[in-house]
Amino acid sequence: MLLAARDLINRQRVANINALTALVRYSDLGYDARRALKPAQVKHIAAWRRHPCDRIDQAAARAEAARLAKAITAADAELKDNKQQIAALVEQLTPGMADQPGYGPITCGSAIAAYSHHGRIRSEAAFAALAGVNPLEASSGNTHRHGLNRHGDRKLSLALDMIAKSRLRFDEKAVAYLEKRTSQGLSYRDAKRYLARSIYRQFTKYATLNA
């Protein structure tokens, strides 16, 4: 429920940012918005008031810009509160998991939501299949090879992708692991499969501890 609410808030926030950027960029409001608006600029616009010398069209545009900016800042506060709620639940269900390199409350929350409860997913391979990173038979004639599943839970797959890319930026062990795997003929997608299985084992451990 919290993740669904977060998606809804994010979608509306992005729509408001796009609308505000277009409005400020193409209206005569004396504001340069040729580049993406920064948070400080959005807060400044939210504080706009009608100027006595504004034309009718300027006054309407200024009022709408302020409304959109206020909605964006409100969404930022809602997203912050939402993240805190998710973080508290993640820590309650899987203590310490979100503190690992590359992990975080939102990605862990997505993985927990996909896993749901102990017993729903029967094995590491099934969890990898749910994430859409399991190998599929793709042999042809005398050539034997495997491709990767392109289906499954897209939110779980995105969470794995975010964790993997974050670890590759900051975790030397993850970089060394990927280099080792690629030297063996495997790919980044194969590394995501190993990550999925690692997460499944962690969930199994937490379920055993809480049993």
N, C-alpha and C. Protein backbone atom coordinates (compact mmCIF):
# COMPACT_ATOMS: atom_id res chain seq x y z
N MET A 1 0.82 -1.20 0.00
CA MET A 1 0.00 0.00 0.00
C MET A 1 0.87 1.27 0.00
N LEU A 2 1.92 1.26 0.81
CA LEU A 2 2.81 2.41 0.88
C LEU A 2 3.56 2.61 -0.44
N LEU A 3 3.97 1.51 -1.06
CA LEU A 3 4.68 1.61 -2.34
C LEU A 3 3.75 2.11 -3.44
N ALA A 4 2.50 1.65 -3.41
CA ALA A 4 1.52 2.12 -4.40
C ALA A 4 1.25 3.61 -4.21
N ALA A 5 1.14 4.03 -2.95
CA ALA A 5 0.93 5.45 -2.66
C ALA A 5 2.12 6.28 -3.14
N ARG A 6 3.31 5.73 -2.95
CA ARG A 6 4.52 6.44 -3.39
C ARG A 6 4.53 6.62 -4.91
N ASP A 7 4.16 5.58 -5.62
CA ASP A 7 4.10 5.67 -7.09
C ASP A 7 3.11 6.75 -7.53
N LEU A 8 1.95 6.80 -6.87
CA LEU A 8 0.93 7.78 -7.22
C LEU A 8 1.43 9.20 -6.96
N ILE A 9 2.05 9.41 -5.79
CA ILE A 9 2.58 10.74 -5.45
C ILE A 9 3.65 11.14 -6.45
N ASN A 10 4.53 10.19 -6.79
CA ASN A 10 5.62 10.48 -7.74
C ASN A 10 5.10 10.86 -9.11
N ARG A 11 4.09 10.12 -9.59
CA ARG A 11 3.54 10.42 -10.92
C ARG A 11 2.93 11.81 -10.97
N GLN A 12 2.17 12.16 -9.93
CA GLN A 12 1.56 13.48 -9.90
C GLN A 12 2.61 14.57 -9.75
N ARG A 13 3.65 14.29 -8.97
CA ARG A 13 4.73 15.26 -8.77
C ARG A 13 5.44 15.55 -10.09
N VAL A 14 5.75 14.49 -10.84
CA VAL A 14 6.42 14.66 -12.14
C VAL A 14 5.53 15.45 -13.11
N ALA A 15 4.23 15.15 -13.10
CA ALA A 15 3.30 15.88 -13.97
C ALA A 15 3.27 17.36 -13.60
N ASN A 16 3.29 17.65 -12.31
CA ASN A 16 3.27 19.04 -11.87
C ASN A 16 4.57 19.76 -12.21
N ILE A 17 5.70 19.06 -12.10
CA ILE A 17 6.99 19.65 -12.46
C ILE A 17 7.01 19.99 -13.95
N ASN A 18 6.54 19.06 -14.77
CA ASN A 18 6.51 19.30 -16.21
C ASN A 18 5.60 20.49 -16.56
N ALA A 19 4.45 20.54 -15.89
CA ALA A 19 3.51 21.64 -16.15
C ALA A 19 4.09 22.97 -15.70
N LEU A 20 4.73 22.97 -14.53
CA LEU A 20 5.33 24.20 -14.02
C LEU A 20 6.46 24.68 -14.92
N THR A 21 7.31 23.77 -15.35
CA THR A 21 8.42 24.13 -16.23
C THR A 21 7.92 24.75 -17.53
N ALA A 22 6.91 24.12 -18.11
CA ALA A 22 6.35 24.63 -19.36
C ALA A 22 5.72 26.01 -19.16
N LEU A 23 5.01 26.17 -18.05
CA LEU A 23 4.33 27.44 -17.79
C LEU A 23 5.33 28.57 -17.60
N VAL A 24 6.35 28.32 -16.77
CA VAL A 24 7.34 29.35 -16.49
C VAL A 24 8.20 29.63 -17.72
N ARG A 25 8.45 28.60 -18.50
CA ARG A 25 9.31 28.75 -19.68
C ARG A 25 8.65 29.57 -20.78
N TYR A 26 7.35 29.41 -20.92
CA TYR A 26 6.68 30.04 -22.06
C TYR A 26 5.77 31.21 -21.69
N SER A 27 5.70 31.53 -20.41
CA SER A 27 4.92 32.70 -20.00
C SER A 27 5.86 33.85 -19.66
N ASP A 28 5.36 35.04 -19.80
CA ASP A 28 6.16 36.23 -19.54
C ASP A 28 6.13 36.55 -18.04
N LEU A 29 6.93 35.79 -17.27
CA LEU A 29 6.94 35.96 -15.81
C LEU A 29 8.30 36.43 -15.31
N GLY A 30 9.19 36.75 -16.24
CA GLY A 30 10.50 37.25 -15.84
C GLY A 30 11.36 36.21 -15.15
N TYR A 31 11.18 34.93 -15.54
CA TYR A 31 11.91 33.84 -14.87
C TYR A 31 12.54 32.95 -15.93
N ASP A 32 13.81 32.68 -15.79
CA ASP A 32 14.54 31.86 -16.76
C ASP A 32 14.42 30.38 -16.38
N ALA A 33 13.69 29.62 -17.19
CA ALA A 33 13.50 28.20 -16.91
C ALA A 33 13.95 27.35 -18.09
N ARG A 34 15.03 27.80 -18.74
CA ARG A 34 15.52 27.03 -19.89
C ARG A 34 16.10 25.70 -19.46
N ARG A 35 16.53 25.63 -18.20
CA ARG A 35 17.01 24.36 -17.65
C ARG A 35 15.99 23.84 -16.63
N ALA A 36 16.18 22.60 -16.21
CA ALA A 36 15.27 22.01 -15.22
C ALA A 36 15.26 22.84 -13.94
N LEU A 37 14.08 23.03 -13.40
CA LEU A 37 13.95 23.82 -12.17
C LEU A 37 14.57 23.09 -10.99
N LYS A 38 15.30 23.81 -10.16
CA LYS A 38 15.91 23.26 -8.97
C LYS A 38 14.95 23.41 -7.80
N PRO A 39 15.11 22.59 -6.74
CA PRO A 39 14.21 22.68 -5.58
C PRO A 39 14.10 24.08 -5.00
N ALA A 40 15.23 24.79 -4.93
CA ALA A 40 15.20 26.16 -4.39
C ALA A 40 14.35 27.07 -5.27
N GLN A 41 14.40 26.86 -6.59
CA GLN A 41 13.60 27.68 -7.50
C GLN A 41 12.12 27.37 -7.35
N VAL A 42 11.80 26.09 -7.15
CA VAL A 42 10.39 25.71 -6.95
C VAL A 42 9.85 26.36 -5.67
N LYS A 43 10.64 26.36 -4.61
CA LYS A 43 10.20 27.00 -3.36
C LYS A 43 10.01 28.50 -3.55
N HIS A 44 10.88 29.11 -4.34
CA HIS A 44 10.76 30.53 -4.61
C HIS A 44 9.47 30.84 -5.37
N ILE A 45 9.16 30.01 -6.35
CA ILE A 45 7.94 30.21 -7.13
C ILE A 45 6.70 29.99 -6.26
N ALA A 46 6.78 29.04 -5.32
CA ALA A 46 5.65 28.77 -4.44
C ALA A 46 5.28 29.98 -3.59
N ALA A 47 6.25 30.86 -3.38
CA ALA A 47 6.01 32.06 -2.56
C ALA A 47 5.58 33.27 -3.38
N TRP A 48 5.42 33.09 -4.69
CA TRP A 48 5.02 34.21 -5.55
C TRP A 48 3.66 34.77 -5.12
N ARG A 49 3.54 36.08 -5.24
CA ARG A 49 2.27 36.76 -5.00
C ARG A 49 1.95 37.62 -6.23
N ARG A 50 0.72 37.98 -6.36
CA ARG A 50 0.31 38.79 -7.52
C ARG A 50 0.89 40.19 -7.40
N HIS A 51 1.47 40.67 -8.49
CA HIS A 51 2.00 42.03 -8.54
C HIS A 51 0.90 42.98 -9.01
N PRO A 52 0.83 44.16 -8.41
CA PRO A 52 -0.20 45.11 -8.82
C PRO A 52 -0.14 45.49 -10.30
N CYS A 53 1.04 45.45 -10.88
CA CYS A 53 1.20 45.84 -12.28
C CYS A 53 1.03 44.68 -13.25
N ASP A 54 0.71 43.49 -12.76
CA ASP A 54 0.54 42.33 -13.64
C ASP A 54 -0.65 42.51 -14.57
N ARG A 55 -0.47 42.08 -15.82
CA ARG A 55 -1.60 41.99 -16.72
C ARG A 55 -2.48 40.81 -16.29
N ILE A 56 -3.66 40.72 -16.87
CA ILE A 56 -4.57 39.63 -16.50
C ILE A 56 -3.93 38.27 -16.77
N ASP A 57 -3.30 38.14 -17.94
CA ASP A 57 -2.68 36.85 -18.28
C ASP A 57 -1.50 36.55 -17.38
N GLN A 58 -0.72 37.56 -17.03
CA GLN A 58 0.42 37.36 -16.13
C GLN A 58 -0.05 36.95 -14.73
N ALA A 59 -1.10 37.59 -14.26
CA ALA A 59 -1.62 37.28 -12.93
C ALA A 59 -2.11 35.83 -12.87
N ALA A 60 -2.80 35.40 -13.93
CA ALA A 60 -3.31 34.02 -13.97
C ALA A 60 -2.16 33.02 -14.03
N ALA A 61 -1.15 33.33 -14.85
CA ALA A 61 0.01 32.44 -14.97
C ALA A 61 0.79 32.38 -13.66
N ARG A 62 0.96 33.53 -13.01
CA ARG A 62 1.70 33.56 -11.75
C ARG A 62 0.98 32.75 -10.66
N ALA A 63 -0.34 32.89 -10.61
CA ALA A 63 -1.13 32.15 -9.62
C ALA A 63 -1.05 30.64 -9.87
N GLU A 64 -1.13 30.25 -11.14
CA GLU A 64 -1.06 28.82 -11.46
C GLU A 64 0.33 28.27 -11.18
N ALA A 65 1.37 29.04 -11.48
CA ALA A 65 2.73 28.61 -11.20
C ALA A 65 2.94 28.40 -9.70
N ALA A 66 2.42 29.32 -8.91
CA ALA A 66 2.54 29.19 -7.45
C ALA A 66 1.79 27.96 -6.95
N ARG A 67 0.61 27.71 -7.53
CA ARG A 67 -0.17 26.53 -7.12
C ARG A 67 0.58 25.23 -7.42
N LEU A 68 1.15 25.15 -8.62
CA LEU A 68 1.91 23.96 -9.01
C LEU A 68 3.15 23.78 -8.13
N ALA A 69 3.84 24.88 -7.85
CA ALA A 69 5.04 24.81 -7.01
C ALA A 69 4.69 24.34 -5.60
N LYS A 70 3.58 24.83 -5.06
CA LYS A 70 3.15 24.39 -3.72
C LYS A 70 2.81 22.90 -3.72
N ALA A 71 2.18 22.44 -4.80
CA ALA A 71 1.85 21.02 -4.90
C ALA A 71 3.11 20.17 -4.95
N ILE A 72 4.14 20.67 -5.63
CA ILE A 72 5.41 19.93 -5.73
C ILE A 72 6.10 19.85 -4.37
N THR A 73 6.15 20.97 -3.65
CA THR A 73 6.79 20.96 -2.33
C THR A 73 6.00 20.08 -1.35
N ALA A 74 4.67 20.08 -1.48
CA ALA A 74 3.84 19.21 -0.63
C ALA A 74 4.13 17.74 -0.94
N ALA A 75 4.28 17.43 -2.23
CA ALA A 75 4.59 16.05 -2.64
C ALA A 75 5.95 15.62 -2.10
N ASP A 76 6.92 16.55 -2.10
CA ASP A 76 8.24 16.23 -1.55
C ASP A 76 8.13 15.84 -0.08
N ALA A 77 7.32 16.58 0.66
CA ALA A 77 7.14 16.28 2.08
C ALA A 77 6.43 14.93 2.26
N GLU A 78 5.45 14.66 1.40
CA GLU A 78 4.72 13.38 1.47
C GLU A 78 5.65 12.22 1.15
N LEU A 79 6.52 12.39 0.16
CA LEU A 79 7.46 11.32 -0.22
C LEU A 79 8.45 11.06 0.91
N LYS A 80 8.88 12.11 1.57
CA LYS A 80 9.81 11.96 2.70
C LYS A 80 9.15 11.18 3.83
N ASP A 81 7.90 11.53 4.14
CA ASP A 81 7.17 10.82 5.19
C ASP A 81 6.91 9.38 4.79
N ASN A 82 6.55 9.17 3.53
CA ASN A 82 6.30 7.83 3.01
C ASN A 82 7.56 6.95 3.14
N LYS A 83 8.73 7.53 2.80
CA LYS A 83 9.98 6.78 2.88
C LYS A 83 10.28 6.39 4.32
N GLN A 84 9.99 7.28 5.26
CA GLN A 84 10.23 6.97 6.67
C GLN A 84 9.34 5.82 7.13
N GLN A 85 8.09 5.82 6.67
CA GLN A 85 7.18 4.73 7.03
C GLN A 85 7.66 3.40 6.46
N ILE A 86 8.08 3.42 5.20
CA ILE A 86 8.58 2.20 4.57
C ILE A 86 9.85 1.73 5.27
N ALA A 87 10.73 2.65 5.61
CA ALA A 87 11.99 2.30 6.28
C ALA A 87 11.71 1.63 7.62
N ALA A 88 10.72 2.13 8.36
CA ALA A 88 10.39 1.55 9.66
C ALA A 88 9.87 0.12 9.50
N LEU A 89 9.04 -0.12 8.49
CA LEU A 89 8.51 -1.46 8.25
C LEU A 89 9.60 -2.41 7.77
N VAL A 90 10.47 -1.93 6.89
CA VAL A 90 11.58 -2.76 6.40
C VAL A 90 12.48 -3.18 7.55
N GLU A 91 12.79 -2.24 8.42
CA GLU A 91 13.65 -2.55 9.57
C GLU A 91 12.97 -3.53 10.51
N GLN A 92 11.66 -3.42 10.65
CA GLN A 92 10.92 -4.33 11.51
C GLN A 92 10.90 -5.75 10.94
N LEU A 93 10.73 -5.86 9.62
CA LEU A 93 10.60 -7.16 8.99
C LEU A 93 11.95 -7.80 8.68
N THR A 94 12.93 -6.97 8.25
CA THR A 94 14.25 -7.49 7.86
C THR A 94 15.33 -6.59 8.46
N PRO A 95 15.58 -6.71 9.77
CA PRO A 95 16.51 -5.80 10.46
C PRO A 95 17.90 -5.77 9.80
N GLY A 96 18.36 -4.56 9.49
CA GLY A 96 19.70 -4.38 8.95
C GLY A 96 19.83 -4.57 7.46
N MET A 97 18.81 -5.08 6.80
CA MET A 97 18.93 -5.38 5.37
C MET A 97 19.14 -4.10 4.54
N ALA A 98 18.39 -3.05 4.88
CA ALA A 98 18.48 -1.81 4.11
C ALA A 98 19.81 -1.08 4.31
N ASP A 99 20.58 -1.50 5.31
CA ASP A 99 21.86 -0.84 5.60
C ASP A 99 23.01 -1.41 4.77
N GLN A 100 22.77 -2.46 4.01
CA GLN A 100 23.82 -3.06 3.20
C GLN A 100 24.17 -2.15 2.02
N PRO A 101 25.40 -2.23 1.53
CA PRO A 101 25.81 -1.38 0.39
C PRO A 101 24.88 -1.56 -0.81
N GLY A 102 24.36 -0.44 -1.31
CA GLY A 102 23.50 -0.48 -2.48
C GLY A 102 22.03 -0.68 -2.19
N TYR A 103 21.73 -1.14 -0.98
CA TYR A 103 20.33 -1.36 -0.62
C TYR A 103 19.73 -0.06 -0.09
N GLY A 104 18.48 -0.09 0.25
CA GLY A 104 17.80 1.08 0.80
C GLY A 104 16.36 0.70 1.11
N PRO A 105 15.63 1.55 1.82
CA PRO A 105 14.28 1.19 2.23
C PRO A 105 13.31 0.96 1.07
N ILE A 106 13.44 1.73 -0.02
CA ILE A 106 12.48 1.58 -1.12
C ILE A 106 12.74 0.31 -1.91
N THR A 107 14.01 0.04 -2.22
CA THR A 107 14.33 -1.19 -2.97
C THR A 107 14.03 -2.43 -2.12
N CYS A 108 14.36 -2.36 -0.83
CA CYS A 108 14.05 -3.49 0.06
C CYS A 108 12.55 -3.66 0.19
N GLY A 109 11.83 -2.55 0.28
CA GLY A 109 10.38 -2.63 0.37
C GLY A 109 9.77 -3.29 -0.86
N SER A 110 10.30 -2.97 -2.04
CA SER A 110 9.80 -3.58 -3.27
C SER A 110 10.07 -5.08 -3.28
N ALA A 111 11.25 -5.46 -2.80
CA ALA A 111 11.60 -6.89 -2.75
C ALA A 111 10.73 -7.63 -1.74
N ILE A 112 10.48 -7.02 -0.58
CA ILE A 112 9.64 -7.64 0.43
C ILE A 112 8.21 -7.81 -0.08
N ALA A 113 7.70 -6.77 -0.77
CA ALA A 113 6.34 -6.85 -1.31
C ALA A 113 6.22 -7.98 -2.33
N ALA A 114 7.27 -8.19 -3.13
CA ALA A 114 7.25 -9.27 -4.11
C ALA A 114 7.33 -10.64 -3.43
N TYR A 115 8.18 -10.72 -2.41
CA TYR A 115 8.34 -11.98 -1.67
C TYR A 115 7.07 -12.30 -0.88
N SER A 116 6.45 -11.28 -0.32
CA SER A 116 5.19 -11.34 0.41
C SER A 116 5.31 -12.07 1.75
N HIS A 117 5.43 -13.38 1.74
CA HIS A 117 5.50 -14.12 2.99
C HIS A 117 6.20 -15.45 2.75
N HIS A 118 6.74 -16.00 3.83
CA HIS A 118 7.48 -17.26 3.73
C HIS A 118 6.55 -18.37 3.24
N GLY A 119 6.98 -19.08 2.20
CA GLY A 119 6.19 -20.16 1.64
C GLY A 119 5.53 -19.81 0.32
N ARG A 120 5.40 -18.51 0.04
CA ARG A 120 4.77 -18.12 -1.22
C ARG A 120 5.65 -18.48 -2.40
N ILE A 121 6.96 -18.29 -2.27
CA ILE A 121 7.91 -18.59 -3.35
C ILE A 121 8.76 -19.77 -2.90
N ARG A 122 8.76 -20.82 -3.68
CA ARG A 122 9.29 -22.10 -3.22
C ARG A 122 10.81 -22.21 -3.23
N SER A 123 11.51 -21.37 -4.02
CA SER A 123 12.95 -21.55 -4.15
C SER A 123 13.63 -20.29 -4.64
N GLU A 124 14.98 -20.29 -4.59
CA GLU A 124 15.76 -19.18 -5.13
C GLU A 124 15.48 -18.99 -6.62
N ALA A 125 15.39 -20.11 -7.33
CA ALA A 125 15.15 -20.04 -8.78
C ALA A 125 13.79 -19.44 -9.08
N ALA A 126 12.79 -19.75 -8.24
CA ALA A 126 11.45 -19.20 -8.44
C ALA A 126 11.45 -17.70 -8.20
N PHE A 127 12.23 -17.26 -7.22
CA PHE A 127 12.31 -15.82 -6.93
C PHE A 127 13.02 -15.10 -8.08
N ALA A 128 14.05 -15.73 -8.64
CA ALA A 128 14.74 -15.17 -9.79
C ALA A 128 13.79 -15.08 -10.98
N ALA A 129 12.94 -16.09 -11.14
CA ALA A 129 11.96 -16.08 -12.23
C ALA A 129 10.95 -14.95 -12.02
N LEU A 130 10.54 -14.74 -10.76
CA LEU A 130 9.61 -13.66 -10.45
C LEU A 130 10.22 -12.30 -10.81
N ALA A 131 11.54 -12.19 -10.61
CA ALA A 131 12.24 -10.94 -10.93
C ALA A 131 12.52 -10.81 -12.42
N GLY A 132 12.28 -11.87 -13.19
CA GLY A 132 12.53 -11.84 -14.63
C GLY A 132 14.00 -11.94 -14.97
N VAL A 133 14.79 -12.59 -14.12
CA VAL A 133 16.23 -12.70 -14.39
C VAL A 133 16.69 -14.15 -14.41
N ASN A 134 15.76 -15.09 -14.55
CA ASN A 134 16.13 -16.49 -14.60
C ASN A 134 16.51 -16.89 -16.02
N PRO A 135 17.42 -17.88 -16.19
CA PRO A 135 17.81 -18.31 -17.54
C PRO A 135 16.73 -19.15 -18.19
N LEU A 136 16.54 -18.97 -19.49
CA LEU A 136 15.59 -19.76 -20.26
C LEU A 136 16.33 -20.47 -21.38
N GLU A 137 15.90 -21.66 -21.70
CA GLU A 137 16.51 -22.43 -22.78
C GLU A 137 16.37 -21.67 -24.09
N ALA A 138 17.51 -21.44 -24.76
CA ALA A 138 17.49 -20.73 -26.04
C ALA A 138 18.41 -21.41 -27.04
N SER A 139 18.48 -22.72 -26.94
CA SER A 139 19.36 -23.49 -27.83
C SER A 139 18.75 -23.59 -29.22
N SER A 140 19.64 -23.75 -30.19
CA SER A 140 19.20 -23.90 -31.58
C SER A 140 20.16 -24.84 -32.29
N GLY A 141 19.62 -25.96 -32.80
CA GLY A 141 20.46 -26.93 -33.49
C GLY A 141 21.53 -27.48 -32.56
N ASN A 142 22.79 -27.37 -32.98
CA ASN A 142 23.89 -27.87 -32.15
C ASN A 142 24.41 -26.82 -31.16
N THR A 143 23.80 -25.64 -31.18
CA THR A 143 24.23 -24.58 -30.28
C THR A 143 23.38 -24.61 -29.01
N HIS A 144 24.05 -24.76 -27.88
CA HIS A 144 23.35 -24.82 -26.60
C HIS A 144 23.65 -23.56 -25.81
N ARG A 145 22.62 -22.82 -25.52
CA ARG A 145 22.81 -21.60 -24.75
C ARG A 145 21.51 -21.28 -24.02
N HIS A 146 21.60 -20.30 -23.14
CA HIS A 146 20.43 -19.85 -22.38
C HIS A 146 20.27 -18.33 -22.54
N GLY A 147 19.03 -17.90 -22.66
CA GLY A 147 18.72 -16.49 -22.61
C GLY A 147 18.15 -16.16 -21.24
N LEU A 148 17.78 -14.90 -21.03
CA LEU A 148 17.20 -14.52 -19.74
C LEU A 148 15.74 -14.15 -19.92
N ASN A 149 14.97 -14.53 -18.92
CA ASN A 149 13.55 -14.20 -18.91
C ASN A 149 13.37 -12.69 -18.93
N ARG A 150 12.47 -12.18 -19.76
CA ARG A 150 12.22 -10.75 -19.84
C ARG A 150 10.89 -10.38 -19.17
N HIS A 151 10.28 -11.33 -18.47
CA HIS A 151 8.99 -11.10 -17.85
C HIS A 151 9.15 -11.06 -16.32
N GLY A 152 8.06 -11.16 -15.61
CA GLY A 152 8.13 -11.17 -14.16
C GLY A 152 7.68 -9.85 -13.55
N ASP A 153 7.96 -9.71 -12.25
CA ASP A 153 7.57 -8.52 -11.49
C ASP A 153 8.51 -7.37 -11.85
N ARG A 154 8.01 -6.37 -12.55
CA ARG A 154 8.86 -5.28 -13.05
C ARG A 154 9.40 -4.43 -11.91
N LYS A 155 8.63 -4.26 -10.84
CA LYS A 155 9.11 -3.47 -9.71
C LYS A 155 10.25 -4.17 -9.00
N LEU A 156 10.15 -5.49 -8.87
CA LEU A 156 11.23 -6.26 -8.27
C LEU A 156 12.47 -6.19 -9.16
N SER A 157 12.28 -6.32 -10.46
CA SER A 157 13.40 -6.25 -11.39
C SER A 157 14.08 -4.88 -11.32
N LEU A 158 13.27 -3.81 -11.23
CA LEU A 158 13.82 -2.46 -11.12
C LEU A 158 14.59 -2.29 -9.81
N ALA A 159 14.07 -2.87 -8.72
CA ALA A 159 14.75 -2.79 -7.43
C ALA A 159 16.12 -3.47 -7.51
N LEU A 160 16.17 -4.64 -8.15
CA LEU A 160 17.44 -5.35 -8.32
C LEU A 160 18.41 -4.52 -9.15
N ASP A 161 17.89 -3.88 -10.19
CA ASP A 161 18.72 -3.06 -11.06
C ASP A 161 19.31 -1.88 -10.29
N MET A 162 18.50 -1.25 -9.46
CA MET A 162 18.97 -0.11 -8.67
C MET A 162 20.03 -0.53 -7.66
N ILE A 163 19.81 -1.68 -7.01
CA ILE A 163 20.78 -2.18 -6.04
C ILE A 163 22.10 -2.51 -6.74
N ALA A 164 21.99 -3.21 -7.87
CA ALA A 164 23.19 -3.63 -8.60
C ALA A 164 24.00 -2.42 -9.08
N LYS A 165 23.33 -1.46 -9.68
CA LYS A 165 24.04 -0.29 -10.21
C LYS A 165 24.65 0.55 -9.10
N SER A 166 23.94 0.65 -7.98
CA SER A 166 24.47 1.40 -6.84
C SER A 166 25.71 0.72 -6.28
N ARG A 167 25.66 -0.59 -6.17
CA ARG A 167 26.81 -1.33 -5.64
C ARG A 167 28.01 -1.24 -6.58
N LEU A 168 27.74 -1.21 -7.87
CA LEU A 168 28.84 -1.11 -8.84
C LEU A 168 29.51 0.25 -8.81
N ARG A 169 28.81 1.25 -8.28
CA ARG A 169 29.41 2.58 -8.16
C ARG A 169 30.23 2.73 -6.88
N PHE A 170 29.82 2.04 -5.81
CA PHE A 170 30.44 2.31 -4.51
C PHE A 170 31.08 1.09 -3.83
N ASP A 171 30.78 -0.11 -4.30
CA ASP A 171 31.25 -1.32 -3.62
C ASP A 171 32.31 -2.02 -4.47
N GLU A 172 33.56 -2.00 -4.01
CA GLU A 172 34.65 -2.62 -4.76
C GLU A 172 34.46 -4.13 -4.90
N LYS A 173 33.88 -4.75 -3.89
CA LYS A 173 33.65 -6.20 -3.94
C LYS A 173 32.66 -6.54 -5.07
N ALA A 174 31.64 -5.70 -5.22
CA ALA A 174 30.65 -5.93 -6.27
C ALA A 174 31.29 -5.78 -7.65
N VAL A 175 32.16 -4.79 -7.80
CA VAL A 175 32.85 -4.58 -9.07
C VAL A 175 33.73 -5.78 -9.39
N ALA A 176 34.47 -6.27 -8.38
CA ALA A 176 35.34 -7.42 -8.58
C ALA A 176 34.53 -8.67 -8.93
N TYR A 177 33.37 -8.81 -8.29
CA TYR A 177 32.51 -9.95 -8.56
C TYR A 177 32.00 -9.93 -10.00
N LEU A 178 31.55 -8.75 -10.46
CA LEU A 178 31.04 -8.65 -11.83
C LEU A 178 32.15 -8.91 -12.84
N GLU A 179 33.35 -8.39 -12.58
CA GLU A 179 34.47 -8.62 -13.48
C GLU A 179 34.79 -10.11 -13.56
N LYS A 180 34.71 -10.79 -12.43
CA LYS A 180 34.97 -12.23 -12.40
C LYS A 180 33.93 -12.97 -13.23
N ARG A 181 32.67 -12.58 -13.06
CA ARG A 181 31.59 -13.26 -13.77
C ARG A 181 31.65 -12.98 -15.27
N THR A 182 31.93 -11.75 -15.66
CA THR A 182 32.01 -11.44 -17.09
C THR A 182 33.19 -12.16 -17.74
N SER A 183 34.26 -12.36 -16.98
CA SER A 183 35.41 -13.11 -17.53
C SER A 183 35.05 -14.57 -17.76
N GLN A 184 33.98 -15.02 -17.08
CA GLN A 184 33.51 -16.40 -17.25
C GLN A 184 32.44 -16.50 -18.33
N GLY A 185 32.19 -15.38 -19.01
CA GLY A 185 31.22 -15.38 -20.10
C GLY A 185 29.81 -14.99 -19.68
N LEU A 186 29.63 -14.60 -18.42
CA LEU A 186 28.32 -14.18 -17.95
C LEU A 186 28.16 -12.67 -18.14
N SER A 187 26.95 -12.15 -17.91
CA SER A 187 26.66 -10.75 -18.17
C SER A 187 26.13 -10.06 -16.93
N TYR A 188 25.85 -8.77 -17.08
CA TYR A 188 25.26 -7.98 -15.99
C TYR A 188 23.92 -8.57 -15.57
N ARG A 189 23.14 -9.05 -16.53
CA ARG A 189 21.84 -9.64 -16.20
C ARG A 189 22.02 -10.92 -15.37
N ASP A 190 23.07 -11.66 -15.65
CA ASP A 190 23.35 -12.85 -14.85
C ASP A 190 23.69 -12.45 -13.42
N ALA A 191 24.40 -11.33 -13.28
CA ALA A 191 24.73 -10.84 -11.94
C ALA A 191 23.47 -10.47 -11.17
N LYS A 192 22.47 -9.94 -11.87
CA LYS A 192 21.20 -9.63 -11.23
C LYS A 192 20.51 -10.89 -10.73
N ARG A 193 20.69 -11.98 -11.46
CA ARG A 193 20.09 -13.25 -11.02
C ARG A 193 20.72 -13.71 -9.72
N TYR A 194 22.06 -13.59 -9.62
CA TYR A 194 22.73 -13.98 -8.38
C TYR A 194 22.30 -13.08 -7.23
N LEU A 195 22.06 -11.81 -7.52
CA LEU A 195 21.60 -10.87 -6.50
C LEU A 195 20.21 -11.27 -6.02
N ALA A 196 19.33 -11.66 -6.95
CA ALA A 196 17.99 -12.09 -6.58
C ALA A 196 18.04 -13.29 -5.65
N ARG A 197 18.92 -14.21 -5.96
CA ARG A 197 19.04 -15.40 -5.12
C ARG A 197 19.60 -15.05 -3.74
N SER A 198 20.50 -14.09 -3.70
CA SER A 198 21.05 -13.64 -2.42
C SER A 198 19.96 -13.02 -1.55
N ILE A 199 19.11 -12.22 -2.16
CA ILE A 199 18.01 -11.59 -1.42
C ILE A 199 17.04 -12.65 -0.92
N TYR A 200 16.76 -13.64 -1.75
CA TYR A 200 15.85 -14.72 -1.33
C TYR A 200 16.41 -15.44 -0.12
N ARG A 201 17.71 -15.71 -0.11
CA ARG A 201 18.32 -16.39 1.04
C ARG A 201 18.20 -15.54 2.30
N GLN A 202 18.33 -14.23 2.15
CA GLN A 202 18.18 -13.35 3.31
C GLN A 202 16.76 -13.41 3.84
N PHE A 203 15.78 -13.40 2.94
CA PHE A 203 14.38 -13.48 3.38
C PHE A 203 14.12 -14.80 4.10
N THR A 204 14.69 -15.86 3.58
CA THR A 204 14.53 -17.16 4.22
C THR A 204 15.12 -17.15 5.63
N LYS A 205 16.28 -16.50 5.77
CA LYS A 205 16.92 -16.41 7.09
C LYS A 205 16.05 -15.63 8.05
N TYR A 206 15.51 -14.49 7.60
CA TYR A 206 14.65 -13.68 8.48
C TYR A 206 13.39 -14.46 8.87
N ALA A 207 12.83 -15.22 7.93
CA ALA A 207 11.64 -16.00 8.22
C ALA A 207 11.93 -17.07 9.27
N THR A 208 13.14 -17.67 9.18
CA THR A 208 13.52 -18.69 10.16
C THR A 208 13.69 -18.08 11.55
N LEU A 209 14.31 -16.89 11.60
CA LEU A 209 14.53 -16.22 12.87
C LEU A 209 13.22 -15.78 13.52
N ASN A 210 12.23 -15.42 12.69
CA ASN A 210 10.96 -14.92 13.22
C ASN A 210 9.93 -16.02 13.42
N ALA A 211 10.33 -17.26 13.07
CA ALA A 211 9.36 -18.36 13.20
C ALA A 211 9.08 -18.68 14.68
